[in-house]
């Protein structure tokens, strides 16, 4: 197995944080969440679990880790429906407003270079945020 890059480690920590955040927010549990776009309930972790789905379908650094633009989604919405972006945008507009949705859309076209040391900081940040959520949940 190939060694994970700092970027992939940061993504893994962020994905765990997003799914836990959304589980607590939508079901008040740490085990299940409601898909941001279709509204169905899914496990937050494990086999068949929800994913951290992006509003902007890009893996560029400018949109990869964005707490507003990434939310818990089921596999069907995230992959089969290619993000289910019409519903995604509808929910974002209701929750955050036009300015925030326009910011997310504009970021798709930004190119940023993030050094490994910053990815490591992001990994640590989201591990700490996950721990805080778990501590607060208890």
C-alpha atoms as a PDB file:
ATOM      1  CA  UNK A   1       0.000   0.000   0.000  1.00  0.00           C
ATOM      2  CA  UNK A   2       1.325   3.431  -0.943  1.00  0.00           C
ATOM      3  CA  UNK A   3       2.134   5.883   1.795  1.00  0.00           C
ATOM      4  CA  UNK A   4      -0.519   8.587   2.163  1.00  0.00           C
ATOM      5  CA  UNK A   5       0.412  12.122   1.223  1.00  0.00           C
ATOM      6  CA  UNK A   6      -0.062  15.015   3.652  1.00  0.00           C
ATOM      7  CA  UNK A   7      -2.895  16.211   1.397  1.00  0.00           C
ATOM      8  CA  UNK A   8      -4.732  12.870   1.584  1.00  0.00           C
ATOM      9  CA  UNK A   9      -4.225  12.696   5.348  1.00  0.00           C
ATOM     10  CA  UNK A  10      -5.702  16.191   5.704  1.00  0.00           C
ATOM     11  CA  UNK A  11      -8.634  15.163   3.504  1.00  0.00           C
ATOM     12  CA  UNK A  12      -9.243  12.028   5.587  1.00  0.00           C
ATOM     13  CA  UNK A  13      -9.320  14.052   8.831  1.00  0.00           C
ATOM     14  CA  UNK A  14     -11.602  16.660   7.228  1.00  0.00           C
ATOM     15  CA  UNK A  15     -13.972  14.009   5.860  1.00  0.00           C
ATOM     16  CA  UNK A  16     -14.336  12.426   9.288  1.00  0.00           C
ATOM     17  CA  UNK A  17     -14.998  15.839  10.810  1.00  0.00           C
ATOM     18  CA  UNK A  18     -17.658  16.721   8.197  1.00  0.00           C
ATOM     19  CA  UNK A  19     -19.523  13.441   8.602  1.00  0.00           C
ATOM     20  CA  UNK A  20     -19.446  13.639  12.413  1.00  0.00           C
ATOM     21  CA  UNK A  21     -20.485  17.315  12.346  1.00  0.00           C
ATOM     22  CA  UNK A  22     -23.401  16.520  10.061  1.00  0.00           C
ATOM     23  CA  UNK A  23     -24.413  13.443  12.050  1.00  0.00           C
ATOM     24  CA  UNK A  24     -24.668  15.478  15.224  1.00  0.00           C
ATOM     25  CA  UNK A  25     -26.375  18.346  13.377  1.00  0.00           C
ATOM     26  CA  UNK A  26     -28.964  16.257  11.524  1.00  0.00           C
ATOM     27  CA  UNK A  27     -29.700  13.262  13.760  1.00  0.00           C
ATOM     28  CA  UNK A  28     -28.185  14.249  17.111  1.00  0.00           C
ATOM     29  CA  UNK A  29     -26.193  11.043  17.032  1.00  0.00           C
ATOM     30  CA  UNK A  30     -22.589  10.349  16.104  1.00  0.00           C
ATOM     31  CA  UNK A  31     -23.497   7.312  14.026  1.00  0.00           C
ATOM     32  CA  UNK A  32     -25.935   8.471  11.318  1.00  0.00           C
ATOM     33  CA  UNK A  33     -26.503  11.559   9.221  1.00  0.00           C
ATOM     34  CA  UNK A  34     -29.139  12.869   6.858  1.00  0.00           C
ATOM     35  CA  UNK A  35     -27.900  13.332   3.283  1.00  0.00           C
ATOM     36  CA  UNK A  36     -27.590  17.054   2.547  1.00  0.00           C
ATOM     37  CA  UNK A  37     -29.272  16.709  -0.826  1.00  0.00           C
ATOM     38  CA  UNK A  38     -31.839  13.885  -0.711  1.00  0.00           C
ATOM     39  CA  UNK A  39     -32.711  13.912   2.986  1.00  0.00           C
ATOM     40  CA  UNK A  40     -32.348  10.166   3.548  1.00  0.00           C
ATOM     41  CA  UNK A  41     -30.621   8.786   6.642  1.00  0.00           C
ATOM     42  CA  UNK A  42     -27.301   6.917   6.264  1.00  0.00           C
ATOM     43  CA  UNK A  43     -24.557   5.618   8.529  1.00  0.00           C
ATOM     44  CA  UNK A  44     -21.886   8.284   8.969  1.00  0.00           C
ATOM     45  CA  UNK A  45     -19.058   5.731   9.125  1.00  0.00           C
ATOM     46  CA  UNK A  46     -18.325   2.172   8.027  1.00  0.00           C
ATOM     47  CA  UNK A  47     -19.580   0.080   5.140  1.00  0.00           C
ATOM     48  CA  UNK A  48     -22.187   1.845   3.028  1.00  0.00           C
ATOM     49  CA  UNK A  49     -21.682   5.100   4.866  1.00  0.00           C
ATOM     50  CA  UNK A  50     -22.297   8.631   3.709  1.00  0.00           C
ATOM     51  CA  UNK A  51     -19.481  10.607   2.144  1.00  0.00           C
ATOM     52  CA  UNK A  52     -18.170  14.137   2.457  1.00  0.00           C
ATOM     53  CA  UNK A  53     -19.589  15.498  -0.798  1.00  0.00           C
ATOM     54  CA  UNK A  54     -18.533  18.691  -2.559  1.00  0.00           C
ATOM     55  CA  UNK A  55     -20.862  21.339  -3.958  1.00  0.00           C
ATOM     56  CA  UNK A  56     -18.170  22.274  -6.470  1.00  0.00           C
ATOM     57  CA  UNK A  57     -17.145  19.132  -8.393  1.00  0.00           C
ATOM     58  CA  UNK A  58     -13.412  19.638  -8.313  1.00  0.00           C
ATOM     59  CA  UNK A  59     -10.501  18.267  -6.368  1.00  0.00           C
ATOM     60  CA  UNK A  60      -8.525  21.497  -6.643  1.00  0.00           C
ATOM     61  CA  UNK A  61      -6.977  22.795  -3.452  1.00  0.00           C
ATOM     62  CA  UNK A  62      -9.211  25.874  -3.476  1.00  0.00           C
ATOM     63  CA  UNK A  63     -12.397  23.858  -2.877  1.00  0.00           C
ATOM     64  CA  UNK A  64     -11.154  20.577  -1.393  1.00  0.00           C
ATOM     65  CA  UNK A  65     -11.440  21.595   2.253  1.00  0.00           C
ATOM     66  CA  UNK A  66     -14.250  24.091   2.726  1.00  0.00           C
ATOM     67  CA  UNK A  67     -16.600  23.609   5.661  1.00  0.00           C
ATOM     68  CA  UNK A  68     -19.530  25.233   3.874  1.00  0.00           C
ATOM     69  CA  UNK A  69     -18.962  23.632   0.463  1.00  0.00           C
ATOM     70  CA  UNK A  70     -18.565  20.072   1.767  1.00  0.00           C
ATOM     71  CA  UNK A  71     -21.435  18.251   3.449  1.00  0.00           C
ATOM     72  CA  UNK A  72     -22.520  14.711   4.243  1.00  0.00           C
ATOM     73  CA  UNK A  73     -24.023  13.063   1.163  1.00  0.00           C
ATOM     74  CA  UNK A  74     -25.073   9.563   0.282  1.00  0.00           C
ATOM     75  CA  UNK A  75     -23.195   7.659  -2.428  1.00  0.00           C
ATOM     76  CA  UNK A  76     -26.112   7.981  -4.824  1.00  0.00           C
ATOM     77  CA  UNK A  77     -26.235  11.780  -4.620  1.00  0.00           C
ATOM     78  CA  UNK A  78     -22.469  12.235  -4.498  1.00  0.00           C
ATOM     79  CA  UNK A  79     -21.482   9.816  -7.275  1.00  0.00           C
ATOM     80  CA  UNK A  80     -24.436   8.597  -9.285  1.00  0.00           C
ATOM     81  CA  UNK A  81     -26.126  12.014  -9.385  1.00  0.00           C
ATOM     82  CA  UNK A  82     -22.740  13.807  -9.679  1.00  0.00           C
ATOM     83  CA  UNK A  83     -23.285  15.750  -6.465  1.00  0.00           C
ATOM     84  CA  UNK A  84     -27.012  16.331  -6.983  1.00  0.00           C
ATOM     85  CA  UNK A  85     -25.933  19.942  -7.410  1.00  0.00           C
ATOM     86  CA  UNK A  86     -29.381  21.473  -8.013  1.00  0.00           C
ATOM     87  CA  UNK A  87     -30.553  20.282  -4.587  1.00  0.00           C
ATOM     88  CA  UNK A  88     -27.146  21.051  -3.094  1.00  0.00           C
ATOM     89  CA  UNK A  89     -27.330  24.646  -4.299  1.00  0.00           C
ATOM     90  CA  UNK A  90     -30.918  25.007  -3.084  1.00  0.00           C
ATOM     91  CA  UNK A  91     -29.888  23.908   0.420  1.00  0.00           C
ATOM     92  CA  UNK A  92     -26.790  26.132   0.440  1.00  0.00           C
ATOM     93  CA  UNK A  93     -28.799  29.175  -0.662  1.00  0.00           C
ATOM     94  CA  UNK A  94     -31.332  28.574   2.103  1.00  0.00           C
ATOM     95  CA  UNK A  95     -28.666  27.970   4.748  1.00  0.00           C
ATOM     96  CA  UNK A  96     -25.958  30.489   3.766  1.00  0.00           C
ATOM     97  CA  UNK A  97     -27.321  32.884   1.135  1.00  0.00           C
ATOM     98  CA  UNK A  98     -26.358  33.992  -2.359  1.00  0.00           C
ATOM     99  CA  UNK A  99     -23.018  35.606  -1.461  1.00  0.00           C
ATOM    100  CA  UNK A 100     -21.653  32.406   0.045  1.00  0.00           C
ATOM    101  CA  UNK A 101     -22.806  30.273  -2.891  1.00  0.00           C
ATOM    102  CA  UNK A 102     -21.177  32.727  -5.313  1.00  0.00           C
ATOM    103  CA  UNK A 103     -17.944  32.575  -3.268  1.00  0.00           C
ATOM    104  CA  UNK A 104     -17.927  28.792  -3.559  1.00  0.00           C
ATOM    105  CA  UNK A 105     -18.533  28.939  -7.303  1.00  0.00           C
ATOM    106  CA  UNK A 106     -15.745  31.504  -7.817  1.00  0.00           C
ATOM    107  CA  UNK A 107     -13.272  29.330  -5.896  1.00  0.00           C
ATOM    108  CA  UNK A 108     -13.551  26.620  -8.533  1.00  0.00           C
ATOM    109  CA  UNK A 109     -11.409  28.760 -10.820  1.00  0.00           C
ATOM    110  CA  UNK A 110      -8.750  29.630  -8.257  1.00  0.00           C
ATOM    111  CA  UNK A 111      -5.437  27.827  -8.288  1.00  0.00           C
ATOM    112  CA  UNK A 112      -3.575  27.670  -5.015  1.00  0.00           C
ATOM    113  CA  UNK A 113      -0.492  25.759  -3.997  1.00  0.00           C
ATOM    114  CA  UNK A 114      -0.548  24.394  -0.486  1.00  0.00           C
ATOM    115  CA  UNK A 115       2.758  23.195   0.958  1.00  0.00           C
ATOM    116  CA  UNK A 116       2.952  19.908   2.841  1.00  0.00           C
ATOM    117  CA  UNK A 117       3.431  21.725   6.151  1.00  0.00           C
ATOM    118  CA  UNK A 118       0.047  23.460   5.691  1.00  0.00           C
ATOM    119  CA  UNK A 119      -1.649  20.138   4.878  1.00  0.00           C
ATOM    120  CA  UNK A 120      -0.209  18.742   8.112  1.00  0.00           C
ATOM    121  CA  UNK A 121      -1.629  21.740   9.990  1.00  0.00           C
ATOM    122  CA  UNK A 122      -5.031  21.121   8.399  1.00  0.00           C
ATOM    123  CA  UNK A 123      -4.890  17.450   9.377  1.00  0.00           C
ATOM    124  CA  UNK A 124      -4.134  18.433  12.990  1.00  0.00           C
ATOM    125  CA  UNK A 125      -6.854  21.106  12.943  1.00  0.00           C
ATOM    126  CA  UNK A 126      -9.579  18.703  11.810  1.00  0.00           C
ATOM    127  CA  UNK A 127      -8.482  15.971  14.194  1.00  0.00           C
ATOM    128  CA  UNK A 128      -8.759  18.532  17.000  1.00  0.00           C
ATOM    129  CA  UNK A 129     -12.164  19.761  15.759  1.00  0.00           C
ATOM    130  CA  UNK A 130     -13.381  16.147  15.632  1.00  0.00           C
ATOM    131  CA  UNK A 131     -12.169  15.567  19.171  1.00  0.00           C
ATOM    132  CA  UNK A 132     -13.975  18.719  20.308  1.00  0.00           C
ATOM    133  CA  UNK A 133     -17.213  17.548  18.686  1.00  0.00           C
ATOM    134  CA  UNK A 134     -16.895  14.176  20.389  1.00  0.00           C
ATOM    135  CA  UNK A 135     -16.155  15.797  23.757  1.00  0.00           C
ATOM    136  CA  UNK A 136     -19.140  18.144  23.395  1.00  0.00           C
ATOM    137  CA  UNK A 137     -21.401  15.292  22.296  1.00  0.00           C
ATOM    138  CA  UNK A 138     -20.771  13.264  25.452  1.00  0.00           C
END
